[in-house]
Structures are given as structure tokens and as C-alpha cells.
Amino acid sequence: MDAGEIMERIEYKRGVLVSVGEQGEELEAAAQVIRFEHGRLLVRVDDESGDSIRLGGVVELEVPAAESLYWLKARIEEITHASDGVPIVRLSVDDAEAIQRRKQERYAVSLPCRVGLMDEDESPLEPLTDPLGPGKITDISLGGAEFESELKLKQESAIKLQALVADGRLYLPGTVVRVEATPSGEYRYGVQFGPMDPVSESRLNRLILRLERAVRRKEWAAALGLGEDADLSRAARRRESRRRWGRYK
């Protein structure tokens, strides 16, 4: 897939803009692709701190879709502001890649949560207001999760999970599709997600993006013969992987 086709596929979609701070830390900001015009990409950036938006700065844009994760490396050429004051950046794209994405690919986590039942007439888009008790999410994907709890729930129960992630509260409505007893006396549940509110959907996508990024780094480090904790910049990883693998021009 060439860069032009990737640009067309990400128009009007939401993603995450990633940059590097002064201390070398990664900064993330929610982003909305506006359009691709005259060889440049216009992106609206919800950057509350302002740290990730710098004229001339090199950034990465990650846009999730059902079939792929679209990754772009770009430079900020221009910064303007929308009528509500939110910055809009014009990006000159240097590199673009479509990374195959599987909706059901699960990632191991240890995420405390609250568990509640949904009434028949309750909207799955509403926050969890009456939790039954605590639990712990042990793995998660775009389509579902596994969690453990002392609570005893029936298969096919309509439930909501509430968890706290880096950018706020995450409400995950779904249906219990699997129940297992654990040796510790708790229960392990498989949940298939249903429709969720737009904010939680965005936060779930960003969480999965971070987990995907961590897995890719481990794979790159292993391919380069380095330890998982190697301090290797993103640019260096890509240069070395291209040189050794010969996958790119």
C-alpha cells in the first residue's frame, strides 16, 4: 500500500499524535485527521499541555482501523487554530506504513476495575453507576477482555466494567461469554464488548495503540539482537530494521 492510498484511508479518522519531549519522554495527544490536500495532511490535535505541538517538530501519527494500524512519520510545517482554539497542524509526511491489525489480538494487562450488571432497559452508553464489586482485567483487545473477580456472574450476563487508564475513565459494556473457576476461589470471565460511548471507544483505542507499540518494540529489539530494555530510539530502530531486513527502499 503506497503513501497516497494510506492518506485517503485515514481522512476524517481519529488517532494519536506521538512526539518526543525535552527529556526524551514520549508525549501523546488525541488527533483528528481533517483531510489530505496538496501533498500535506491537516490534523486537529487535542493537546491540552501544548508540549507535543512545535513548529518543525518530528512526530508520529497512529490511526487505528479495523483492518490495519496506519503509521506515519511527519514534520510539523504549519500551526493554525480552529475557531474553538484547538490547534490544527499541517504535516509533511516522510514515511507511511500500514501495519496489519487483528481485532481479537489480546494483550496482557493488570488493570483494576469495578464490575456491574446492566438492566434490560439500561443503555450501554451510560456510565457505571451501581457497581457490584471489584475485579481485575487480565487481558484486553478491541473486541473484548478477560477479567477476574470474586463476584459470581452467570454466562450471557450483560455487564459493565469501569477502569482507570492514562487518559481517564474507561466504561466497557459487554456480555459474559465464558465463565471459569480459578484455584484461588475467584472466577475468570471472558467478555465480548458491545457498543460503547465515543469517549470510552477512543480511550480503548489509545490503550490498544500503546500496547501494540510496546509489543512492536520488543519484536524490533529481538530482531536486532538487543535486550527488551535497550534504549533504542524510534528512528534508529526503523533505520536498522530497514537495513537488516531489506523490506524498504
C-alpha atoms as a PDB file:
ATOM      1  CA  MET A   1       0.000   0.000   0.000  1.00  0.00           C
ATOM      2  CA  ASP A   2       1.553   3.321  -1.059  1.00  0.00           C
ATOM      3  CA  ALA A   3       1.529   6.558   0.949  1.00  0.00           C
ATOM      4  CA  GLY A   4      -1.215   8.138  -1.175  1.00  0.00           C
ATOM      5  CA  GLU A   5      -3.614   5.269  -0.518  1.00  0.00           C
ATOM      6  CA  ILE A   6      -2.870   5.423   3.204  1.00  0.00           C
ATOM      7  CA  MET A   7      -3.642   9.166   3.211  1.00  0.00           C
ATOM      8  CA  GLU A   8      -7.012   8.554   1.600  1.00  0.00           C
ATOM      9  CA  ARG A   9      -7.880   5.832   4.092  1.00  0.00           C
ATOM     10  CA  ILE A  10      -7.171   7.923   7.188  1.00  0.00           C
ATOM     11  CA  GLU A  11      -9.074  11.054   6.144  1.00  0.00           C
ATOM     12  CA  TYR A  12     -11.634  12.091   8.834  1.00  0.00           C
ATOM     13  CA  LYS A  13     -10.464   9.382  11.252  1.00  0.00           C
ATOM     14  CA  ARG A  14      -9.236   9.734  14.847  1.00  0.00           C
ATOM     15  CA  GLY A  15      -5.822   8.691  16.052  1.00  0.00           C
ATOM     16  CA  VAL A  16      -2.903   9.606  18.298  1.00  0.00           C
ATOM     17  CA  LEU A  17      -0.073  12.055  17.626  1.00  0.00           C
ATOM     18  CA  VAL A  18       3.186  10.998  19.293  1.00  0.00           C
ATOM     19  CA  SER A  19       6.168  13.281  19.798  1.00  0.00           C
ATOM     20  CA  VAL A  20       9.307  13.355  21.954  1.00  0.00           C
ATOM     21  CA  GLY A  21       9.600  15.813  24.845  1.00  0.00           C
ATOM     22  CA  GLU A  22      12.666  17.713  26.018  1.00  0.00           C
ATOM     23  CA  GLN A  23      13.595  14.913  28.432  1.00  0.00           C
ATOM     24  CA  GLY A  24      13.219  12.229  25.755  1.00  0.00           C
ATOM     25  CA  GLU A  25       9.804  11.144  27.007  1.00  0.00           C
ATOM     26  CA  GLU A  26       7.007  10.279  24.597  1.00  0.00           C
ATOM     27  CA  LEU A  27       4.079  12.706  24.518  1.00  0.00           C
ATOM     28  CA  GLU A  28       0.680  11.605  23.252  1.00  0.00           C
ATOM     29  CA  ALA A  29      -2.226  13.737  22.096  1.00  0.00           C
ATOM     30  CA  ALA A  30      -5.570  12.711  20.628  1.00  0.00           C
ATOM     31  CA  ALA A  31      -5.801  13.715  16.969  1.00  0.00           C
ATOM     32  CA  GLN A  32      -8.439  14.001  14.262  1.00  0.00           C
ATOM     33  CA  VAL A  33      -7.365  13.774  10.630  1.00  0.00           C
ATOM     34  CA  ILE A  34      -9.152  16.514   8.702  1.00  0.00           C
ATOM     35  CA  ARG A  35      -8.080  15.945   5.122  1.00  0.00           C
ATOM     36  CA  PHE A  36      -5.195  15.364   2.735  1.00  0.00           C
ATOM     37  CA  GLU A  37      -4.614  18.230   0.303  1.00  0.00           C
ATOM     38  CA  HIS A  38      -1.769  19.475  -1.887  1.00  0.00           C
ATOM     39  CA  GLY A  39       0.528  16.749  -0.603  1.00  0.00           C
ATOM     40  CA  ARG A  40       0.053  17.750   3.039  1.00  0.00           C
ATOM     41  CA  LEU A  41      -2.027  16.293   5.869  1.00  0.00           C
ATOM     42  CA  LEU A  42      -4.216  18.551   8.042  1.00  0.00           C
ATOM     43  CA  VAL A  43      -4.704  17.231  11.577  1.00  0.00           C
ATOM     44  CA  ARG A  44      -6.638  18.678  14.518  1.00  0.00           C
ATOM     45  CA  VAL A  45      -4.768  17.994  17.770  1.00  0.00           C
ATOM     46  CA  ASP A  46      -6.399  17.915  21.218  1.00  0.00           C
ATOM     47  CA  ASP A  47      -3.207  18.843  23.026  1.00  0.00           C
ATOM     48  CA  GLU A  48      -4.079  20.287  26.433  1.00  0.00           C
ATOM     49  CA  SER A  49      -0.476  20.854  27.532  1.00  0.00           C
ATOM     50  CA  GLY A  50       0.785  22.183  24.192  1.00  0.00           C
ATOM     51  CA  ASP A  51       4.030  20.221  24.627  1.00  0.00           C
ATOM     52  CA  SER A  52       3.586  17.942  21.626  1.00  0.00           C
ATOM     53  CA  ILE A  53       2.954  20.737  19.089  1.00  0.00           C
ATOM     54  CA  ARG A  54       6.108  22.502  17.952  1.00  0.00           C
ATOM     55  CA  LEU A  55       6.791  24.051  14.577  1.00  0.00           C
ATOM     56  CA  GLY A  56       9.335  21.915  12.732  1.00  0.00           C
ATOM     57  CA  GLY A  57       8.941  19.068  15.199  1.00  0.00           C
ATOM     58  CA  VAL A  58       9.079  15.463  14.025  1.00  0.00           C
ATOM     59  CA  VAL A  59       6.015  13.452  15.063  1.00  0.00           C
ATOM     60  CA  GLU A  60       4.412  10.082  14.504  1.00  0.00           C
ATOM     61  CA  LEU A  61       0.718   9.738  13.747  1.00  0.00           C
ATOM     62  CA  GLU A  62      -1.018   6.440  14.526  1.00  0.00           C
ATOM     63  CA  VAL A  63      -4.535   5.950  13.166  1.00  0.00           C
ATOM     64  CA  PRO A  64      -6.315   2.705  14.082  1.00  0.00           C
ATOM     65  CA  ALA A  65      -8.779   0.991  11.761  1.00  0.00           C
ATOM     66  CA  ALA A  66     -10.396  -2.433  11.854  1.00  0.00           C
ATOM     67  CA  GLU A  67      -8.021  -3.926   9.298  1.00  0.00           C
ATOM     68  CA  SER A  68      -4.770  -2.032   9.930  1.00  0.00           C
ATOM     69  CA  LEU A  69      -2.912   0.375  12.140  1.00  0.00           C
ATOM     70  CA  TYR A  70      -1.765   3.239   9.929  1.00  0.00           C
ATOM     71  CA  TRP A  71       1.599   4.684  10.989  1.00  0.00           C
ATOM     72  CA  LEU A  72       3.065   7.903   9.611  1.00  0.00           C
ATOM     73  CA  LYS A  73       6.231   9.839  10.347  1.00  0.00           C
ATOM     74  CA  ALA A  74       5.939  13.534   9.574  1.00  0.00           C
ATOM     75  CA  ARG A  75       7.189  17.046  10.288  1.00  0.00           C
ATOM     76  CA  ILE A  76       5.008  19.919  11.501  1.00  0.00           C
ATOM     77  CA  GLU A  77       5.168  22.606   8.782  1.00  0.00           C
ATOM     78  CA  GLU A  78       2.454  24.957   9.994  1.00  0.00           C
ATOM     79  CA  ILE A  79       0.292  25.519  13.078  1.00  0.00           C
ATOM     80  CA  THR A  80      -3.049  27.333  12.955  1.00  0.00           C
ATOM     81  CA  HIS A  81      -6.052  27.271  15.279  1.00  0.00           C
ATOM     82  CA  ALA A  82      -9.708  26.360  14.830  1.00  0.00           C
ATOM     83  CA  SER A  83     -12.493  28.686  15.982  1.00  0.00           C
ATOM     84  CA  ASP A  84     -12.537  26.916  19.362  1.00  0.00           C
ATOM     85  CA  GLY A  85      -8.795  27.475  19.822  1.00  0.00           C
ATOM     86  CA  VAL A  86      -7.734  23.872  19.187  1.00  0.00           C
ATOM     87  CA  PRO A  87      -4.500  23.680  17.124  1.00  0.00           C
ATOM     88  CA  ILE A  88      -4.565  22.389  13.570  1.00  0.00           C
ATOM     89  CA  VAL A  89      -1.220  21.252  12.179  1.00  0.00           C
ATOM     90  CA  ARG A  90      -0.130  20.842   8.576  1.00  0.00           C
ATOM     91  CA  LEU A  91       2.129  17.813   8.273  1.00  0.00           C
ATOM     92  CA  SER A  92       4.702  16.970   5.644  1.00  0.00           C
ATOM     93  CA  VAL A  93       4.752  13.159   5.615  1.00  0.00           C
ATOM     94  CA  ASP A  94       8.146  11.455   5.246  1.00  0.00           C
ATOM     95  CA  ASP A  95       7.099   7.835   5.702  1.00  0.00           C
ATOM     96  CA  ALA A  96       3.867   5.839   5.931  1.00  0.00           C
ATOM     97  CA  GLU A  97       3.092   2.219   6.671  1.00  0.00           C
ATOM     98  CA  ALA A  98       0.004   0.027   7.108  1.00  0.00           C
ATOM     99  CA  ILE A  99       0.542  -2.481   9.919  1.00  0.00           C
ATOM    100  CA  GLN A 100      -1.860  -5.412   9.846  1.00  0.00           C
ATOM    101  CA  ARG A 101      -4.179  -5.332  12.839  1.00  0.00           C
ATOM    102  CA  ARG A 102      -6.280  -8.149  14.237  1.00  0.00           C
ATOM    103  CA  LYS A 103      -9.338  -7.075  16.198  1.00  0.00           C
ATOM    104  CA  GLN A 104      -9.218 -10.053  18.531  1.00  0.00           C
ATOM    105  CA  GLU A 105      -5.484  -9.901  19.282  1.00  0.00           C
ATOM    106  CA  ARG A 106      -5.255  -9.760  23.063  1.00  0.00           C
ATOM    107  CA  TYR A 107      -2.684  -8.017  25.256  1.00  0.00           C
ATOM    108  CA  ALA A 108      -1.810  -8.980  28.819  1.00  0.00           C
ATOM    109  CA  VAL A 109      -2.585  -6.252  31.365  1.00  0.00           C
ATOM    110  CA  SER A 110      -3.194  -5.940  35.099  1.00  0.00           C
ATOM    111  CA  LEU A 111      -5.914  -3.327  35.302  1.00  0.00           C
ATOM    112  CA  PRO A 112      -8.105  -2.950  38.425  1.00  0.00           C
ATOM    113  CA  CYS A 113     -11.764  -2.454  37.567  1.00  0.00           C
ATOM    114  CA  ARG A 114     -15.258  -2.217  39.002  1.00  0.00           C
ATOM    115  CA  VAL A 115     -17.932  -4.642  37.810  1.00  0.00           C
ATOM    116  CA  GLY A 116     -21.667  -4.018  37.482  1.00  0.00           C
ATOM    117  CA  LEU A 117     -24.733  -5.597  35.915  1.00  0.00           C
ATOM    118  CA  MET A 118     -26.816  -3.845  33.246  1.00  0.00           C
ATOM    119  CA  ASP A 119     -30.608  -3.795  33.428  1.00  0.00           C
ATOM    120  CA  GLU A 120     -32.580  -4.765  30.342  1.00  0.00           C
ATOM    121  CA  ASP A 121     -33.645  -1.171  29.713  1.00  0.00           C
ATOM    122  CA  GLU A 122     -30.255   0.345  30.576  1.00  0.00           C
ATOM    123  CA  SER A 123     -28.259   1.976  27.796  1.00  0.00           C
ATOM    124  CA  PRO A 124     -24.748   0.547  27.336  1.00  0.00           C
ATOM    125  CA  LEU A 125     -23.602   4.106  26.626  1.00  0.00           C
ATOM    126  CA  GLU A 126     -24.258   5.277  30.202  1.00  0.00           C
ATOM    127  CA  PRO A 127     -21.522   5.217  32.903  1.00  0.00           C
ATOM    128  CA  LEU A 128     -21.471   2.505  35.554  1.00  0.00           C
ATOM    129  CA  THR A 129     -23.486   3.894  38.493  1.00  0.00           C
ATOM    130  CA  ASP A 130     -24.051   0.887  40.777  1.00  0.00           C
ATOM    131  CA  PRO A 131     -21.018  -1.455  40.806  1.00  0.00           C
ATOM    132  CA  LEU A 132     -21.312  -4.870  42.461  1.00  0.00           C
ATOM    133  CA  GLY A 133     -17.669  -5.099  43.422  1.00  0.00           C
ATOM    134  CA  PRO A 134     -14.047  -5.084  42.275  1.00  0.00           C
ATOM    135  CA  GLY A 135     -12.246  -7.127  39.660  1.00  0.00           C
ATOM    136  CA  LYS A 136      -9.034  -7.131  37.609  1.00  0.00           C
ATOM    137  CA  ILE A 137      -8.773  -7.085  33.823  1.00  0.00           C
ATOM    138  CA  THR A 138      -6.002  -9.525  32.844  1.00  0.00           C
ATOM    139  CA  ASP A 139      -6.068  -9.174  29.065  1.00  0.00           C
ATOM    140  CA  ILE A 140      -7.834  -6.924  26.608  1.00  0.00           C
ATOM    141  CA  SER A 141      -8.418  -6.393  22.898  1.00  0.00           C
ATOM    142  CA  LEU A 142     -10.545  -4.128  20.745  1.00  0.00           C
ATOM    143  CA  GLY A 143     -13.337  -6.688  20.839  1.00  0.00           C
ATOM    144  CA  GLY A 144     -13.306  -7.991  24.393  1.00  0.00           C
ATOM    145  CA  ALA A 145     -11.478  -8.688  27.641  1.00  0.00           C
ATOM    146  CA  GLU A 146     -10.828 -11.240  30.322  1.00  0.00           C
ATOM    147  CA  PHE A 147     -11.213 -10.299  33.977  1.00  0.00           C
ATOM    148  CA  GLU A 148     -11.065 -11.992  37.362  1.00  0.00           C
ATOM    149  CA  SER A 149     -13.334 -11.298  40.326  1.00  0.00           C
ATOM    150  CA  GLU A 150     -14.772 -12.853  43.487  1.00  0.00           C
ATOM    151  CA  LEU A 151     -18.206 -11.984  42.104  1.00  0.00           C
ATOM    152  CA  LYS A 152     -20.253 -14.874  40.759  1.00  0.00           C
ATOM    153  CA  LEU A 153     -21.860 -13.968  37.447  1.00  0.00           C
ATOM    154  CA  LYS A 154     -23.855 -16.038  35.009  1.00  0.00           C
ATOM    155  CA  GLN A 155     -22.902 -16.659  31.398  1.00  0.00           C
ATOM    156  CA  GLU A 156     -24.724 -14.319  28.994  1.00  0.00           C
ATOM    157  CA  SER A 157     -24.978 -11.654  31.724  1.00  0.00           C
ATOM    158  CA  ALA A 158     -24.950  -8.076  30.421  1.00  0.00           C
ATOM    159  CA  ILE A 159     -22.293  -6.227  32.399  1.00  0.00           C
ATOM    160  CA  LYS A 160     -20.175  -3.083  32.505  1.00  0.00           C
ATOM    161  CA  LEU A 161     -16.549  -2.786  33.544  1.00  0.00           C
ATOM    162  CA  GLN A 162     -15.131   0.514  34.768  1.00  0.00           C
ATOM    163  CA  ALA A 163     -11.364   1.024  34.732  1.00  0.00           C
ATOM    164  CA  LEU A 164      -8.998   3.961  35.059  1.00  0.00           C
ATOM    165  CA  VAL A 165      -6.466   4.389  32.241  1.00  0.00           C
ATOM    166  CA  ALA A 166      -3.898   7.080  31.469  1.00  0.00           C
ATOM    167  CA  ASP A 167      -6.378   9.489  29.863  1.00  0.00           C
ATOM    168  CA  GLY A 168      -9.430   8.942  32.081  1.00  0.00           C
ATOM    169  CA  ARG A 169     -12.218   6.536  32.978  1.00  0.00           C
ATOM    170  CA  LEU A 170     -12.996   3.683  30.628  1.00  0.00           C
ATOM    171  CA  TYR A 171     -16.506   2.179  30.570  1.00  0.00           C
ATOM    172  CA  LEU A 172     -16.683  -1.204  28.852  1.00  0.00           C
ATOM    173  CA  PRO A 173     -20.173  -2.680  28.328  1.00  0.00           C
ATOM    174  CA  GLY A 174     -20.412  -6.265  27.136  1.00  0.00           C
ATOM    175  CA  THR A 175     -21.715  -9.798  27.530  1.00  0.00           C
ATOM    176  CA  VAL A 176     -20.166 -12.604  29.586  1.00  0.00           C
ATOM    177  CA  VAL A 177     -19.331 -15.351  27.091  1.00  0.00           C
ATOM    178  CA  ARG A 178     -17.135 -17.576  29.274  1.00  0.00           C
ATOM    179  CA  VAL A 179     -17.001 -18.440  32.999  1.00  0.00           C
ATOM    180  CA  GLU A 180     -14.196 -20.392  34.700  1.00  0.00           C
ATOM    181  CA  ALA A 181     -13.446 -21.078  38.364  1.00  0.00           C
ATOM    182  CA  THR A 182      -9.833 -20.410  39.418  1.00  0.00           C
ATOM    183  CA  PRO A 183      -7.789 -22.365  42.011  1.00  0.00           C
ATOM    184  CA  SER A 184      -7.829 -19.289  44.277  1.00  0.00           C
ATOM    185  CA  GLY A 185     -11.613 -19.410  44.541  1.00  0.00           C
ATOM    186  CA  GLU A 186     -12.212 -16.473  42.206  1.00  0.00           C
ATOM    187  CA  TYR A 187     -13.854 -16.572  38.804  1.00  0.00           C
ATOM    188  CA  ARG A 188     -12.346 -15.774  35.430  1.00  0.00           C
ATOM    189  CA  TYR A 189     -14.709 -14.252  32.856  1.00  0.00           C
ATOM    190  CA  GLY A 190     -14.478 -13.689  29.122  1.00  0.00           C
ATOM    191  CA  VAL A 191     -16.389 -10.624  27.934  1.00  0.00           C
ATOM    192  CA  GLN A 192     -17.352  -9.615  24.413  1.00  0.00           C
ATOM    193  CA  PHE A 193     -17.696  -5.846  24.140  1.00  0.00           C
ATOM    194  CA  GLY A 194     -20.845  -4.207  22.831  1.00  0.00           C
ATOM    195  CA  PRO A 195     -21.469  -0.613  21.683  1.00  0.00           C
ATOM    196  CA  MET A 196     -19.789   1.909  23.986  1.00  0.00           C
ATOM    197  CA  ASP A 197     -19.779   5.676  24.358  1.00  0.00           C
ATOM    198  CA  PRO A 198     -17.462   7.568  21.956  1.00  0.00           C
ATOM    199  CA  VAL A 199     -15.107   8.725  24.731  1.00  0.00           C
ATOM    200  CA  SER A 200     -14.577   5.187  26.041  1.00  0.00           C
ATOM    201  CA  GLU A 201     -14.170   3.874  22.490  1.00  0.00           C
ATOM    202  CA  SER A 202     -11.450   6.461  21.857  1.00  0.00           C
ATOM    203  CA  ARG A 203      -9.708   5.652  25.147  1.00  0.00           C
ATOM    204  CA  LEU A 204      -9.850   1.916  24.422  1.00  0.00           C
ATOM    205  CA  ASN A 205      -8.260   2.523  21.012  1.00  0.00           C
ATOM    206  CA  ARG A 206      -5.491   4.604  22.595  1.00  0.00           C
ATOM    207  CA  LEU A 207      -4.841   1.921  25.212  1.00  0.00           C
ATOM    208  CA  ILE A 208      -4.571  -0.744  22.493  1.00  0.00           C
ATOM    209  CA  LEU A 209      -2.274   1.544  20.498  1.00  0.00           C
ATOM    210  CA  ARG A 210       0.093   1.840  23.462  1.00  0.00           C
ATOM    211  CA  LEU A 211       0.073  -1.930  23.976  1.00  0.00           C
ATOM    212  CA  GLU A 212       0.652  -2.556  20.258  1.00  0.00           C
ATOM    213  CA  ARG A 213       3.559  -0.122  20.310  1.00  0.00           C
ATOM    214  CA  ALA A 214       5.159  -1.899  23.276  1.00  0.00           C
ATOM    215  CA  VAL A 215       4.871  -5.275  21.514  1.00  0.00           C
ATOM    216  CA  ARG A 216       6.388  -3.880  18.304  1.00  0.00           C
ATOM    217  CA  ARG A 217       9.356  -2.511  20.252  1.00  0.00           C
ATOM    218  CA  LYS A 218      10.039  -5.905  21.790  1.00  0.00           C
ATOM    219  CA  GLU A 219       9.833  -7.501  18.351  1.00  0.00           C
ATOM    220  CA  TRP A 220      12.211  -4.909  16.878  1.00  0.00           C
ATOM    221  CA  ALA A 221      14.656  -5.365  19.761  1.00  0.00           C
ATOM    222  CA  ALA A 222      14.571  -9.148  19.330  1.00  0.00           C
ATOM    223  CA  ALA A 223      15.082  -8.863  15.554  1.00  0.00           C
ATOM    224  CA  LEU A 224      18.089  -6.612  16.129  1.00  0.00           C
ATOM    225  CA  GLY A 225      19.558  -8.963  18.729  1.00  0.00           C
ATOM    226  CA  LEU A 226      19.058  -6.466  21.560  1.00  0.00           C
ATOM    227  CA  GLY A 227      17.564  -6.838  25.020  1.00  0.00           C
ATOM    228  CA  GLU A 228      13.965  -5.783  25.631  1.00  0.00           C
ATOM    229  CA  ASP A 229      15.184  -2.851  27.776  1.00  0.00           C
ATOM    230  CA  ALA A 230      17.568  -1.489  25.123  1.00  0.00           C
ATOM    231  CA  ASP A 231      17.474   2.289  24.830  1.00  0.00           C
ATOM    232  CA  LEU A 232      16.934   2.496  21.075  1.00  0.00           C
ATOM    233  CA  SER A 233      15.192   5.497  19.536  1.00  0.00           C
ATOM    234  CA  ARG A 234      12.307   5.017  17.131  1.00  0.00           C
ATOM    235  CA  ALA A 235      14.274   6.497  14.231  1.00  0.00           C
ATOM    236  CA  ALA A 236      17.254   4.231  14.917  1.00  0.00           C
ATOM    237  CA  ARG A 237      15.015   1.178  15.149  1.00  0.00           C
ATOM    238  CA  ARG A 238      13.470   1.880  11.788  1.00  0.00           C
ATOM    239  CA  ARG A 239      16.805   2.640  10.073  1.00  0.00           C
ATOM    240  CA  GLU A 240      18.399  -0.528  11.397  1.00  0.00           C
ATOM    241  CA  SER A 241      15.405  -2.738  10.692  1.00  0.00           C
ATOM    242  CA  ARG A 242      15.248  -1.440   7.117  1.00  0.00           C
ATOM    243  CA  ARG A 243      18.959  -2.071   6.627  1.00  0.00           C
ATOM    244  CA  ARG A 244      18.891  -5.609   8.031  1.00  0.00           C
ATOM    245  CA  TRP A 245      15.541  -6.781   6.787  1.00  0.00           C
ATOM    246  CA  GLY A 246      15.727  -5.068   3.387  1.00  0.00           C
ATOM    247  CA  ARG A 247      11.983  -4.519   3.423  1.00  0.00           C
ATOM    248  CA  TYR A 248      12.039  -0.863   2.410  1.00  0.00           C
ATOM    249  CA  LYS A 249      13.842   1.310  -0.084  1.00  0.00           C
END
